mmCIF file of all heavy atoms, coordinates in Angstrom:
data_MODEL
# 
_entry.id   MODEL 
# 
loop_
_atom_site.group_PDB 
_atom_site.id 
_atom_site.type_symbol 
_atom_site.label_atom_id 
_atom_site.label_alt_id 
_atom_site.label_comp_id 
_atom_site.label_asym_id 
_atom_site.label_entity_id 
_atom_site.label_seq_id 
_atom_site.pdbx_PDB_ins_code 
_atom_site.Cartn_x 
_atom_site.Cartn_y 
_atom_site.Cartn_z 
_atom_site.occupancy 
_atom_site.B_iso_or_equiv 
_atom_site.pdbx_formal_charge 
_atom_site.auth_seq_id 
_atom_site.auth_comp_id 
_atom_site.auth_asym_id 
_atom_site.auth_atom_id 
_atom_site.pdbx_PDB_model_num 
ATOM 1   N N   . LEU A 1 1  ? 36.345 -17.119 -32.079 1.00 0.00 ? 1  LEU A N   1 
ATOM 2   C CA  . LEU A 1 1  ? 37.392 -16.271 -32.797 1.00 0.00 ? 1  LEU A CA  1 
ATOM 3   C C   . LEU A 1 1  ? 38.499 -15.774 -31.900 1.00 0.00 ? 1  LEU A C   1 
ATOM 4   O O   . LEU A 1 1  ? 39.624 -15.747 -32.171 1.00 0.00 ? 1  LEU A O   1 
ATOM 5   C CB  . LEU A 1 1  ? 36.773 -15.188 -33.582 1.00 0.00 ? 1  LEU A CB  1 
ATOM 6   C CG  . LEU A 1 1  ? 37.533 -14.319 -34.529 1.00 0.00 ? 1  LEU A CG  1 
ATOM 7   C CD1 . LEU A 1 1  ? 38.245 -15.253 -35.550 1.00 0.00 ? 1  LEU A CD1 1 
ATOM 8   C CD2 . LEU A 1 1  ? 36.848 -13.226 -35.144 1.00 0.00 ? 1  LEU A CD2 1 
ATOM 9   N N   . GLY A 1 2  ? 37.971 -15.189 -30.660 1.00 0.00 ? 2  GLY A N   1 
ATOM 10  C CA  . GLY A 1 2  ? 38.807 -14.779 -29.637 1.00 0.00 ? 2  GLY A CA  1 
ATOM 11  C C   . GLY A 1 2  ? 39.893 -15.791 -29.188 1.00 0.00 ? 2  GLY A C   1 
ATOM 12  O O   . GLY A 1 2  ? 41.026 -15.558 -29.094 1.00 0.00 ? 2  GLY A O   1 
ATOM 13  N N   . ILE A 1 3  ? 39.346 -17.003 -28.977 1.00 0.00 ? 3  ILE A N   1 
ATOM 14  C CA  . ILE A 1 3  ? 40.230 -18.099 -28.494 1.00 0.00 ? 3  ILE A CA  1 
ATOM 15  C C   . ILE A 1 3  ? 41.251 -18.461 -29.612 1.00 0.00 ? 3  ILE A C   1 
ATOM 16  O O   . ILE A 1 3  ? 42.325 -18.822 -29.357 1.00 0.00 ? 3  ILE A O   1 
ATOM 17  C CB  . ILE A 1 3  ? 39.403 -19.276 -28.043 1.00 0.00 ? 3  ILE A CB  1 
ATOM 18  C CG1 . ILE A 1 3  ? 38.638 -18.992 -26.757 1.00 0.00 ? 3  ILE A CG1 1 
ATOM 19  C CG2 . ILE A 1 3  ? 40.223 -20.487 -27.864 1.00 0.00 ? 3  ILE A CG2 1 
ATOM 20  C CD1 . ILE A 1 3  ? 37.491 -20.023 -26.433 1.00 0.00 ? 3  ILE A CD1 1 
ATOM 21  N N   . VAL A 1 4  ? 40.821 -18.545 -30.796 1.00 0.00 ? 4  VAL A N   1 
ATOM 22  C CA  . VAL A 1 4  ? 41.621 -19.005 -31.871 1.00 0.00 ? 4  VAL A CA  1 
ATOM 23  C C   . VAL A 1 4  ? 42.661 -17.786 -32.141 1.00 0.00 ? 4  VAL A C   1 
ATOM 24  O O   . VAL A 1 4  ? 43.948 -18.232 -32.316 1.00 0.00 ? 4  VAL A O   1 
ATOM 25  C CB  . VAL A 1 4  ? 40.869 -19.139 -33.313 1.00 0.00 ? 4  VAL A CB  1 
ATOM 26  C CG1 . VAL A 1 4  ? 41.789 -19.259 -34.491 1.00 0.00 ? 4  VAL A CG1 1 
ATOM 27  C CG2 . VAL A 1 4  ? 40.050 -20.424 -33.138 1.00 0.00 ? 4  VAL A CG2 1 
ATOM 28  N N   . GLY A 1 5  ? 42.304 -16.658 -31.986 1.00 0.00 ? 5  GLY A N   1 
ATOM 29  C CA  . GLY A 1 5  ? 43.293 -15.505 -32.139 1.00 0.00 ? 5  GLY A CA  1 
ATOM 30  C C   . GLY A 1 5  ? 44.298 -15.533 -31.047 1.00 0.00 ? 5  GLY A C   1 
ATOM 31  O O   . GLY A 1 5  ? 45.512 -15.303 -31.251 1.00 0.00 ? 5  GLY A O   1 
ATOM 32  N N   . PHE A 1 6  ? 43.874 -15.768 -29.851 1.00 0.00 ? 6  PHE A N   1 
ATOM 33  C CA  . PHE A 1 6  ? 44.744 -15.774 -28.746 1.00 0.00 ? 6  PHE A CA  1 
ATOM 34  C C   . PHE A 1 6  ? 45.858 -17.039 -28.892 1.00 0.00 ? 6  PHE A C   1 
ATOM 35  O O   . PHE A 1 6  ? 46.934 -16.929 -28.639 1.00 0.00 ? 6  PHE A O   1 
ATOM 36  C CB  . PHE A 1 6  ? 43.975 -16.027 -27.338 1.00 0.00 ? 6  PHE A CB  1 
ATOM 37  C CG  . PHE A 1 6  ? 44.789 -16.132 -26.125 1.00 0.00 ? 6  PHE A CG  1 
ATOM 38  C CD1 . PHE A 1 6  ? 45.628 -15.006 -25.587 1.00 0.00 ? 6  PHE A CD1 1 
ATOM 39  C CD2 . PHE A 1 6  ? 44.977 -17.385 -25.512 1.00 0.00 ? 6  PHE A CD2 1 
ATOM 40  C CE1 . PHE A 1 6  ? 46.547 -15.151 -24.516 1.00 0.00 ? 6  PHE A CE1 1 
ATOM 41  C CE2 . PHE A 1 6  ? 45.747 -17.496 -24.402 1.00 0.00 ? 6  PHE A CE2 1 
ATOM 42  C CZ  . PHE A 1 6  ? 46.513 -16.479 -24.011 1.00 0.00 ? 6  PHE A CZ  1 
ATOM 43  N N   . SER A 1 7  ? 45.199 -18.068 -29.257 1.00 0.00 ? 7  SER A N   1 
ATOM 44  C CA  . SER A 1 7  ? 46.163 -19.346 -29.579 1.00 0.00 ? 7  SER A CA  1 
ATOM 45  C C   . SER A 1 7  ? 47.150 -19.056 -30.580 1.00 0.00 ? 7  SER A C   1 
ATOM 46  O O   . SER A 1 7  ? 48.290 -19.510 -30.447 1.00 0.00 ? 7  SER A O   1 
ATOM 47  C CB  . SER A 1 7  ? 45.205 -20.562 -29.736 1.00 0.00 ? 7  SER A CB  1 
ATOM 48  O OG  . SER A 1 7  ? 44.353 -20.815 -28.865 1.00 0.00 ? 7  SER A OG  1 
ATOM 49  N N   . LEU A 1 8  ? 46.696 -18.446 -31.694 1.00 0.00 ? 8  LEU A N   1 
ATOM 50  C CA  . LEU A 1 8  ? 47.618 -18.082 -32.733 1.00 0.00 ? 8  LEU A CA  1 
ATOM 51  C C   . LEU A 1 8  ? 48.736 -17.082 -32.246 1.00 0.00 ? 8  LEU A C   1 
ATOM 52  O O   . LEU A 1 8  ? 49.867 -17.334 -32.566 1.00 0.00 ? 8  LEU A O   1 
ATOM 53  C CB  . LEU A 1 8  ? 46.816 -17.414 -33.798 1.00 0.00 ? 8  LEU A CB  1 
ATOM 54  C CG  . LEU A 1 8  ? 47.679 -17.095 -35.142 1.00 0.00 ? 8  LEU A CG  1 
ATOM 55  C CD1 . LEU A 1 8  ? 48.413 -18.442 -35.691 1.00 0.00 ? 8  LEU A CD1 1 
ATOM 56  C CD2 . LEU A 1 8  ? 46.836 -16.375 -36.128 1.00 0.00 ? 8  LEU A CD2 1 
ATOM 57  N N   . LEU A 1 9  ? 48.388 -16.116 -31.468 1.00 0.00 ? 9  LEU A N   1 
ATOM 58  C CA  . LEU A 1 9  ? 49.337 -15.170 -30.880 1.00 0.00 ? 9  LEU A CA  1 
ATOM 59  C C   . LEU A 1 9  ? 50.438 -15.855 -30.009 1.00 0.00 ? 9  LEU A C   1 
ATOM 60  O O   . LEU A 1 9  ? 51.493 -15.587 -29.977 1.00 0.00 ? 9  LEU A O   1 
ATOM 61  C CB  . LEU A 1 9  ? 48.615 -14.007 -30.187 1.00 0.00 ? 9  LEU A CB  1 
ATOM 62  C CG  . LEU A 1 9  ? 49.418 -12.942 -29.523 1.00 0.00 ? 9  LEU A CG  1 
ATOM 63  C CD1 . LEU A 1 9  ? 50.078 -12.051 -30.722 1.00 0.00 ? 9  LEU A CD1 1 
ATOM 64  C CD2 . LEU A 1 9  ? 48.529 -12.100 -28.735 1.00 0.00 ? 9  LEU A CD2 1 
ATOM 65  N N   . LEU A 1 10 ? 49.782 -16.739 -29.011 1.00 0.00 ? 10 LEU A N   1 
ATOM 66  C CA  . LEU A 1 10 ? 50.622 -17.491 -28.092 1.00 0.00 ? 10 LEU A CA  1 
ATOM 67  C C   . LEU A 1 10 ? 51.655 -18.413 -28.869 1.00 0.00 ? 10 LEU A C   1 
ATOM 68  O O   . LEU A 1 10 ? 52.805 -18.442 -28.551 1.00 0.00 ? 10 LEU A O   1 
ATOM 69  C CB  . LEU A 1 10 ? 49.830 -18.328 -27.171 1.00 0.00 ? 10 LEU A CB  1 
ATOM 70  C CG  . LEU A 1 10 ? 50.438 -18.881 -25.998 1.00 0.00 ? 10 LEU A CG  1 
ATOM 71  C CD1 . LEU A 1 10 ? 51.056 -17.887 -25.034 1.00 0.00 ? 10 LEU A CD1 1 
ATOM 72  C CD2 . LEU A 1 10 ? 49.406 -19.919 -25.236 1.00 0.00 ? 10 LEU A CD2 1 
ATOM 73  N N   . PHE A 1 11 ? 51.166 -19.010 -29.952 1.00 0.00 ? 11 PHE A N   1 
ATOM 74  C CA  . PHE A 1 11 ? 51.906 -20.037 -30.739 1.00 0.00 ? 11 PHE A CA  1 
ATOM 75  C C   . PHE A 1 11 ? 53.020 -19.159 -31.475 1.00 0.00 ? 11 PHE A C   1 
ATOM 76  O O   . PHE A 1 11 ? 54.174 -19.654 -31.384 1.00 0.00 ? 11 PHE A O   1 
ATOM 77  C CB  . PHE A 1 11 ? 51.031 -20.779 -31.608 1.00 0.00 ? 11 PHE A CB  1 
ATOM 78  C CG  . PHE A 1 11 ? 51.957 -21.607 -32.635 1.00 0.00 ? 11 PHE A CG  1 
ATOM 79  C CD1 . PHE A 1 11 ? 52.413 -22.771 -32.124 1.00 0.00 ? 11 PHE A CD1 1 
ATOM 80  C CD2 . PHE A 1 11 ? 52.156 -21.280 -33.967 1.00 0.00 ? 11 PHE A CD2 1 
ATOM 81  C CE1 . PHE A 1 11 ? 53.163 -23.634 -33.048 1.00 0.00 ? 11 PHE A CE1 1 
ATOM 82  C CE2 . PHE A 1 11 ? 52.945 -22.088 -34.730 1.00 0.00 ? 11 PHE A CE2 1 
ATOM 83  C CZ  . PHE A 1 11 ? 53.424 -23.240 -34.240 1.00 0.00 ? 11 PHE A CZ  1 
ATOM 84  N N   . THR A 1 12 ? 52.689 -18.075 -31.987 1.00 0.00 ? 12 THR A N   1 
ATOM 85  C CA  . THR A 1 12 ? 53.650 -17.339 -32.671 1.00 0.00 ? 12 THR A CA  1 
ATOM 86  C C   . THR A 1 12 ? 54.783 -16.802 -31.765 1.00 0.00 ? 12 THR A C   1 
ATOM 87  O O   . THR A 1 12 ? 55.969 -16.842 -32.017 1.00 0.00 ? 12 THR A O   1 
ATOM 88  C CB  . THR A 1 12 ? 53.042 -16.104 -33.416 1.00 0.00 ? 12 THR A CB  1 
ATOM 89  O OG1 . THR A 1 12 ? 52.042 -16.534 -34.255 1.00 0.00 ? 12 THR A OG1 1 
ATOM 90  C CG2 . THR A 1 12 ? 53.976 -15.249 -34.212 1.00 0.00 ? 12 THR A CG2 1 
ATOM 91  N N   . TYR A 1 13 ? 54.307 -16.234 -30.621 1.00 0.00 ? 13 TYR A N   1 
ATOM 92  C CA  . TYR A 1 13 ? 55.273 -15.725 -29.611 1.00 0.00 ? 13 TYR A CA  1 
ATOM 93  C C   . TYR A 1 13 ? 56.257 -16.792 -29.057 1.00 0.00 ? 13 TYR A C   1 
ATOM 94  O O   . TYR A 1 13 ? 57.421 -16.679 -29.068 1.00 0.00 ? 13 TYR A O   1 
ATOM 95  C CB  . TYR A 1 13 ? 54.474 -15.130 -28.428 1.00 0.00 ? 13 TYR A CB  1 
ATOM 96  C CG  . TYR A 1 13 ? 55.314 -14.705 -27.288 1.00 0.00 ? 13 TYR A CG  1 
ATOM 97  C CD1 . TYR A 1 13 ? 55.932 -13.380 -27.337 1.00 0.00 ? 13 TYR A CD1 1 
ATOM 98  C CD2 . TYR A 1 13 ? 55.769 -15.498 -26.159 1.00 0.00 ? 13 TYR A CD2 1 
ATOM 99  C CE1 . TYR A 1 13 ? 56.621 -12.906 -26.197 1.00 0.00 ? 13 TYR A CE1 1 
ATOM 100 C CE2 . TYR A 1 13 ? 56.560 -14.927 -25.150 1.00 0.00 ? 13 TYR A CE2 1 
ATOM 101 C CZ  . TYR A 1 13 ? 56.930 -13.672 -25.166 1.00 0.00 ? 13 TYR A CZ  1 
ATOM 102 O OH  . TYR A 1 13 ? 57.701 -13.258 -24.150 1.00 0.00 ? 13 TYR A OH  1 
ATOM 103 N N   . TYR A 1 14 ? 55.742 -18.077 -28.867 1.00 0.00 ? 14 TYR A N   1 
ATOM 104 C CA  . TYR A 1 14 ? 56.581 -19.120 -28.373 1.00 0.00 ? 14 TYR A CA  1 
ATOM 105 C C   . TYR A 1 14 ? 57.567 -19.670 -29.396 1.00 0.00 ? 14 TYR A C   1 
ATOM 106 O O   . TYR A 1 14 ? 58.602 -19.985 -29.130 1.00 0.00 ? 14 TYR A O   1 
ATOM 107 C CB  . TYR A 1 14 ? 55.604 -20.291 -27.868 1.00 0.00 ? 14 TYR A CB  1 
ATOM 108 C CG  . TYR A 1 14 ? 56.292 -21.423 -27.148 1.00 0.00 ? 14 TYR A CG  1 
ATOM 109 C CD1 . TYR A 1 14 ? 56.849 -21.171 -25.822 1.00 0.00 ? 14 TYR A CD1 1 
ATOM 110 C CD2 . TYR A 1 14 ? 56.676 -22.543 -27.767 1.00 0.00 ? 14 TYR A CD2 1 
ATOM 111 C CE1 . TYR A 1 14 ? 57.517 -22.160 -25.055 1.00 0.00 ? 14 TYR A CE1 1 
ATOM 112 C CE2 . TYR A 1 14 ? 57.265 -23.454 -27.138 1.00 0.00 ? 14 TYR A CE2 1 
ATOM 113 C CZ  . TYR A 1 14 ? 57.846 -23.340 -25.761 1.00 0.00 ? 14 TYR A CZ  1 
ATOM 114 O OH  . TYR A 1 14 ? 58.563 -24.307 -25.223 1.00 0.00 ? 14 TYR A OH  1 
ATOM 115 N N   . THR A 1 15 ? 57.012 -19.734 -30.737 1.00 0.00 ? 15 THR A N   1 
ATOM 116 C CA  . THR A 1 15 ? 57.817 -20.165 -31.707 1.00 0.00 ? 15 THR A CA  1 
ATOM 117 C C   . THR A 1 15 ? 59.001 -19.153 -31.944 1.00 0.00 ? 15 THR A C   1 
ATOM 118 O O   . THR A 1 15 ? 60.181 -19.682 -31.988 1.00 0.00 ? 15 THR A O   1 
ATOM 119 C CB  . THR A 1 15 ? 57.069 -20.218 -33.030 1.00 0.00 ? 15 THR A CB  1 
ATOM 120 O OG1 . THR A 1 15 ? 55.973 -21.151 -32.732 1.00 0.00 ? 15 THR A OG1 1 
ATOM 121 C CG2 . THR A 1 15 ? 57.791 -20.757 -34.081 1.00 0.00 ? 15 THR A CG2 1 
ATOM 122 N N   . ILE A 1 16 ? 58.770 -17.856 -31.983 1.00 0.00 ? 16 ILE A N   1 
ATOM 123 C CA  . ILE A 1 16 ? 59.827 -16.961 -32.147 1.00 0.00 ? 16 ILE A CA  1 
ATOM 124 C C   . ILE A 1 16 ? 60.756 -17.010 -30.947 1.00 0.00 ? 16 ILE A C   1 
ATOM 125 O O   . ILE A 1 16 ? 61.995 -17.008 -31.027 1.00 0.00 ? 16 ILE A O   1 
ATOM 126 C CB  . ILE A 1 16 ? 59.306 -15.508 -32.240 1.00 0.00 ? 16 ILE A CB  1 
ATOM 127 C CG1 . ILE A 1 16 ? 58.571 -15.360 -33.552 1.00 0.00 ? 16 ILE A CG1 1 
ATOM 128 C CG2 . ILE A 1 16 ? 60.370 -14.434 -32.018 1.00 0.00 ? 16 ILE A CG2 1 
ATOM 129 C CD1 . ILE A 1 16 ? 57.789 -14.073 -33.668 1.00 0.00 ? 16 ILE A CD1 1 
ATOM 130 N N   . TRP A 1 17 ? 60.243 -17.330 -29.698 1.00 0.00 ? 17 TRP A N   1 
ATOM 131 C CA  . TRP A 1 17 ? 61.062 -17.289 -28.503 1.00 0.00 ? 17 TRP A CA  1 
ATOM 132 C C   . TRP A 1 17 ? 62.054 -18.568 -28.478 1.00 0.00 ? 17 TRP A C   1 
ATOM 133 O O   . TRP A 1 17 ? 63.096 -18.486 -28.094 1.00 0.00 ? 17 TRP A O   1 
ATOM 134 C CB  . TRP A 1 17 ? 60.157 -17.350 -27.273 1.00 0.00 ? 17 TRP A CB  1 
ATOM 135 C CG  . TRP A 1 17 ? 60.632 -17.257 -25.919 1.00 0.00 ? 17 TRP A CG  1 
ATOM 136 C CD1 . TRP A 1 17 ? 61.829 -16.772 -25.570 1.00 0.00 ? 17 TRP A CD1 1 
ATOM 137 C CD2 . TRP A 1 17 ? 60.037 -17.772 -24.713 1.00 0.00 ? 17 TRP A CD2 1 
ATOM 138 N NE1 . TRP A 1 17 ? 62.111 -16.837 -24.228 1.00 0.00 ? 17 TRP A NE1 1 
ATOM 139 C CE2 . TRP A 1 17 ? 60.826 -17.497 -23.607 1.00 0.00 ? 17 TRP A CE2 1 
ATOM 140 C CE3 . TRP A 1 17 ? 58.823 -18.365 -24.550 1.00 0.00 ? 17 TRP A CE3 1 
ATOM 141 C CZ2 . TRP A 1 17 ? 60.544 -17.829 -22.361 1.00 0.00 ? 17 TRP A CZ2 1 
ATOM 142 C CZ3 . TRP A 1 17 ? 58.557 -18.601 -23.221 1.00 0.00 ? 17 TRP A CZ3 1 
ATOM 143 C CH2 . TRP A 1 17 ? 59.295 -18.383 -22.166 1.00 0.00 ? 17 TRP A CH2 1 
ATOM 144 N N   . VAL A 1 18 ? 61.473 -19.615 -28.829 1.00 0.00 ? 18 VAL A N   1 
ATOM 145 C CA  . VAL A 1 18 ? 62.171 -20.925 -28.745 1.00 0.00 ? 18 VAL A CA  1 
ATOM 146 C C   . VAL A 1 18 ? 63.081 -21.128 -30.179 1.00 0.00 ? 18 VAL A C   1 
ATOM 147 O O   . VAL A 1 18 ? 64.133 -21.616 -29.942 1.00 0.00 ? 18 VAL A O   1 
ATOM 148 C CB  . VAL A 1 18 ? 61.303 -22.090 -28.580 1.00 0.00 ? 18 VAL A CB  1 
ATOM 149 C CG1 . VAL A 1 18 ? 62.008 -23.264 -28.589 1.00 0.00 ? 18 VAL A CG1 1 
ATOM 150 C CG2 . VAL A 1 18 ? 60.590 -21.871 -27.148 1.00 0.00 ? 18 VAL A CG2 1 
ATOM 151 N N   . ILE A 1 19 ? 62.587 -20.734 -31.255 1.00 0.00 ? 19 ILE A N   1 
ATOM 152 C CA  . ILE A 1 19 ? 63.295 -21.249 -32.442 1.00 0.00 ? 19 ILE A CA  1 
ATOM 153 C C   . ILE A 1 19 ? 64.021 -20.094 -33.037 1.00 0.00 ? 19 ILE A C   1 
ATOM 154 O O   . ILE A 1 19 ? 65.297 -20.302 -33.519 1.00 0.00 ? 19 ILE A O   1 
ATOM 155 C CB  . ILE A 1 19 ? 62.305 -21.719 -33.489 1.00 0.00 ? 19 ILE A CB  1 
ATOM 156 C CG1 . ILE A 1 19 ? 61.593 -22.974 -33.049 1.00 0.00 ? 19 ILE A CG1 1 
ATOM 157 C CG2 . ILE A 1 19 ? 62.923 -21.966 -34.823 1.00 0.00 ? 19 ILE A CG2 1 
ATOM 158 C CD1 . ILE A 1 19 ? 60.420 -23.564 -33.994 1.00 0.00 ? 19 ILE A CD1 1 
ATOM 159 N N   . VAL A 1 20 ? 63.581 -18.829 -32.961 1.00 0.00 ? 20 VAL A N   1 
ATOM 160 C CA  . VAL A 1 20 ? 64.388 -17.728 -33.596 1.00 0.00 ? 20 VAL A CA  1 
ATOM 161 C C   . VAL A 1 20 ? 65.332 -17.050 -32.781 1.00 0.00 ? 20 VAL A C   1 
ATOM 162 O O   . VAL A 1 20 ? 66.436 -16.802 -33.166 1.00 0.00 ? 20 VAL A O   1 
ATOM 163 C CB  . VAL A 1 20 ? 63.414 -16.673 -34.206 1.00 0.00 ? 20 VAL A CB  1 
ATOM 164 C CG1 . VAL A 1 20 ? 63.983 -15.641 -34.840 1.00 0.00 ? 20 VAL A CG1 1 
ATOM 165 C CG2 . VAL A 1 20 ? 62.336 -17.356 -35.196 1.00 0.00 ? 20 VAL A CG2 1 
ATOM 166 N N   . LEU A 1 21 ? 64.941 -16.868 -31.510 1.00 0.00 ? 21 LEU A N   1 
ATOM 167 C CA  . LEU A 1 21 ? 65.853 -16.109 -30.682 1.00 0.00 ? 21 LEU A CA  1 
ATOM 168 C C   . LEU A 1 21 ? 67.260 -16.647 -30.339 1.00 0.00 ? 21 LEU A C   1 
ATOM 169 O O   . LEU A 1 21 ? 68.235 -16.014 -30.206 1.00 0.00 ? 21 LEU A O   1 
ATOM 170 C CB  . LEU A 1 21 ? 65.195 -15.803 -29.270 1.00 0.00 ? 21 LEU A CB  1 
ATOM 171 C CG  . LEU A 1 21 ? 64.264 -14.671 -29.313 1.00 0.00 ? 21 LEU A CG  1 
ATOM 172 C CD1 . LEU A 1 21 ? 63.740 -14.401 -27.915 1.00 0.00 ? 21 LEU A CD1 1 
ATOM 173 C CD2 . LEU A 1 21 ? 64.826 -13.376 -29.875 1.00 0.00 ? 21 LEU A CD2 1 
ATOM 174 N N   . PRO A 1 22 ? 67.331 -18.026 -30.364 1.00 0.00 ? 22 PRO A N   1 
ATOM 175 C CA  . PRO A 1 22 ? 68.831 -18.432 -30.125 1.00 0.00 ? 22 PRO A CA  1 
ATOM 176 C C   . PRO A 1 22 ? 69.775 -18.173 -31.345 1.00 0.00 ? 22 PRO A C   1 
ATOM 177 O O   . PRO A 1 22 ? 70.957 -18.161 -31.049 1.00 0.00 ? 22 PRO A O   1 
ATOM 178 C CB  . PRO A 1 22 ? 68.623 -20.111 -30.121 1.00 0.00 ? 22 PRO A CB  1 
ATOM 179 C CG  . PRO A 1 22 ? 67.270 -20.264 -29.574 1.00 0.00 ? 22 PRO A CG  1 
ATOM 180 C CD  . PRO A 1 22 ? 66.408 -19.060 -30.212 1.00 0.00 ? 22 PRO A CD  1 
ATOM 181 N N   . PHE A 1 23 ? 69.258 -17.828 -32.418 1.00 0.00 ? 23 PHE A N   1 
ATOM 182 C CA  . PHE A 1 23 ? 70.063 -17.372 -33.611 1.00 0.00 ? 23 PHE A CA  1 
ATOM 183 C C   . PHE A 1 23 ? 70.230 -15.859 -33.649 1.00 0.00 ? 23 PHE A C   1 
ATOM 184 O O   . PHE A 1 23 ? 71.007 -15.437 -34.538 1.00 0.00 ? 23 PHE A O   1 
ATOM 185 C CB  . PHE A 1 23 ? 69.502 -17.993 -34.859 1.00 0.00 ? 23 PHE A CB  1 
ATOM 186 C CG  . PHE A 1 23 ? 69.375 -19.413 -34.852 1.00 0.00 ? 23 PHE A CG  1 
ATOM 187 C CD1 . PHE A 1 23 ? 68.244 -20.148 -34.689 1.00 0.00 ? 23 PHE A CD1 1 
ATOM 188 C CD2 . PHE A 1 23 ? 70.575 -20.223 -35.057 1.00 0.00 ? 23 PHE A CD2 1 
ATOM 189 C CE1 . PHE A 1 23 ? 68.068 -21.487 -34.734 1.00 0.00 ? 23 PHE A CE1 1 
ATOM 190 C CE2 . PHE A 1 23 ? 70.456 -21.557 -35.014 1.00 0.00 ? 23 PHE A CE2 1 
ATOM 191 C CZ  . PHE A 1 23 ? 69.273 -22.237 -34.945 1.00 0.00 ? 23 PHE A CZ  1 
ATOM 192 N N   . VAL A 1 24 ? 69.718 -15.155 -32.770 1.00 0.00 ? 24 VAL A N   1 
ATOM 193 C CA  . VAL A 1 24 ? 69.910 -13.750 -32.731 1.00 0.00 ? 24 VAL A CA  1 
ATOM 194 C C   . VAL A 1 24 ? 70.883 -13.341 -31.670 1.00 0.00 ? 24 VAL A C   1 
ATOM 195 O O   . VAL A 1 24 ? 70.910 -13.867 -30.597 1.00 0.00 ? 24 VAL A O   1 
ATOM 196 C CB  . VAL A 1 24 ? 68.451 -12.939 -32.500 1.00 0.00 ? 24 VAL A CB  1 
ATOM 197 C CG1 . VAL A 1 24 ? 68.674 -11.472 -32.413 1.00 0.00 ? 24 VAL A CG1 1 
ATOM 198 C CG2 . VAL A 1 24 ? 67.485 -13.373 -33.474 1.00 0.00 ? 24 VAL A CG2 1 
ATOM 199 N N   . ASP A 1 25 ? 71.680 -12.251 -31.916 1.00 0.00 ? 25 ASP A N   1 
ATOM 200 C CA  . ASP A 1 25 ? 72.586 -11.854 -31.032 1.00 0.00 ? 25 ASP A CA  1 
ATOM 201 C C   . ASP A 1 25 ? 71.947 -11.619 -29.533 1.00 0.00 ? 25 ASP A C   1 
ATOM 202 O O   . ASP A 1 25 ? 70.991 -10.926 -29.471 1.00 0.00 ? 25 ASP A O   1 
ATOM 203 C CB  . ASP A 1 25 ? 73.415 -10.609 -31.590 1.00 0.00 ? 25 ASP A CB  1 
ATOM 204 C CG  . ASP A 1 25 ? 74.376 -10.881 -32.636 1.00 0.00 ? 25 ASP A CG  1 
ATOM 205 O OD1 . ASP A 1 25 ? 74.772 -12.072 -32.686 1.00 0.00 ? 25 ASP A OD1 1 
ATOM 206 O OD2 . ASP A 1 25 ? 74.688 -10.043 -33.407 1.00 0.00 ? 25 ASP A OD2 1 
ATOM 207 N N   . SER A 1 26 ? 72.620 -11.752 -28.521 1.00 0.00 ? 26 SER A N   1 
ATOM 208 C CA  . SER A 1 26 ? 72.036 -11.650 -27.213 1.00 0.00 ? 26 SER A CA  1 
ATOM 209 C C   . SER A 1 26 ? 71.926 -10.180 -26.927 1.00 0.00 ? 26 SER A C   1 
ATOM 210 O O   . SER A 1 26 ? 71.109 -9.910  -26.046 1.00 0.00 ? 26 SER A O   1 
ATOM 211 C CB  . SER A 1 26 ? 72.910 -12.332 -26.173 1.00 0.00 ? 26 SER A CB  1 
ATOM 212 O OG  . SER A 1 26 ? 74.203 -11.839 -26.132 1.00 0.00 ? 26 SER A OG  1 
ATOM 213 N N   . ASP A 1 27 ? 72.591 -9.207  -27.438 1.00 0.00 ? 27 ASP A N   1 
ATOM 214 C CA  . ASP A 1 27 ? 72.471 -7.808  -27.178 1.00 0.00 ? 27 ASP A CA  1 
ATOM 215 C C   . ASP A 1 27 ? 71.473 -7.149  -28.063 1.00 0.00 ? 27 ASP A C   1 
ATOM 216 O O   . ASP A 1 27 ? 71.250 -5.863  -27.965 1.00 0.00 ? 27 ASP A O   1 
ATOM 217 C CB  . ASP A 1 27 ? 73.785 -7.143  -27.226 1.00 0.00 ? 27 ASP A CB  1 
ATOM 218 C CG  . ASP A 1 27 ? 74.507 -7.321  -28.700 1.00 0.00 ? 27 ASP A CG  1 
ATOM 219 O OD1 . ASP A 1 27 ? 74.122 -8.012  -29.453 1.00 0.00 ? 27 ASP A OD1 1 
ATOM 220 O OD2 . ASP A 1 27 ? 75.552 -6.549  -28.837 1.00 0.00 ? 27 ASP A OD2 1 
ATOM 221 N N   . HIS A 1 28 ? 70.892 -7.853  -28.928 1.00 0.00 ? 28 HIS A N   1 
ATOM 222 C CA  . HIS A 1 28 ? 69.787 -7.308  -29.917 1.00 0.00 ? 28 HIS A CA  1 
ATOM 223 C C   . HIS A 1 28 ? 68.613 -6.846  -29.026 1.00 0.00 ? 28 HIS A C   1 
ATOM 224 O O   . HIS A 1 28 ? 68.327 -7.345  -28.014 1.00 0.00 ? 28 HIS A O   1 
ATOM 225 C CB  . HIS A 1 28 ? 69.325 -8.261  -30.916 1.00 0.00 ? 28 HIS A CB  1 
ATOM 226 C CG  . HIS A 1 28 ? 68.668 -7.650  -32.077 1.00 0.00 ? 28 HIS A CG  1 
ATOM 227 N ND1 . HIS A 1 28 ? 67.413 -7.381  -32.038 1.00 0.00 ? 28 HIS A ND1 1 
ATOM 228 C CD2 . HIS A 1 28 ? 69.100 -7.359  -33.254 1.00 0.00 ? 28 HIS A CD2 1 
ATOM 229 C CE1 . HIS A 1 28 ? 66.959 -6.968  -33.247 1.00 0.00 ? 28 HIS A CE1 1 
ATOM 230 N NE2 . HIS A 1 28 ? 68.081 -6.729  -33.916 1.00 0.00 ? 28 HIS A NE2 1 
# 
């Protein structure tokens, strides 16, 4: 459960970092 939770957290962080952030203003 810990490994799955860590993987889910890492996937969510990376997805936001790569997919969402390019569309957010750089001074946000």
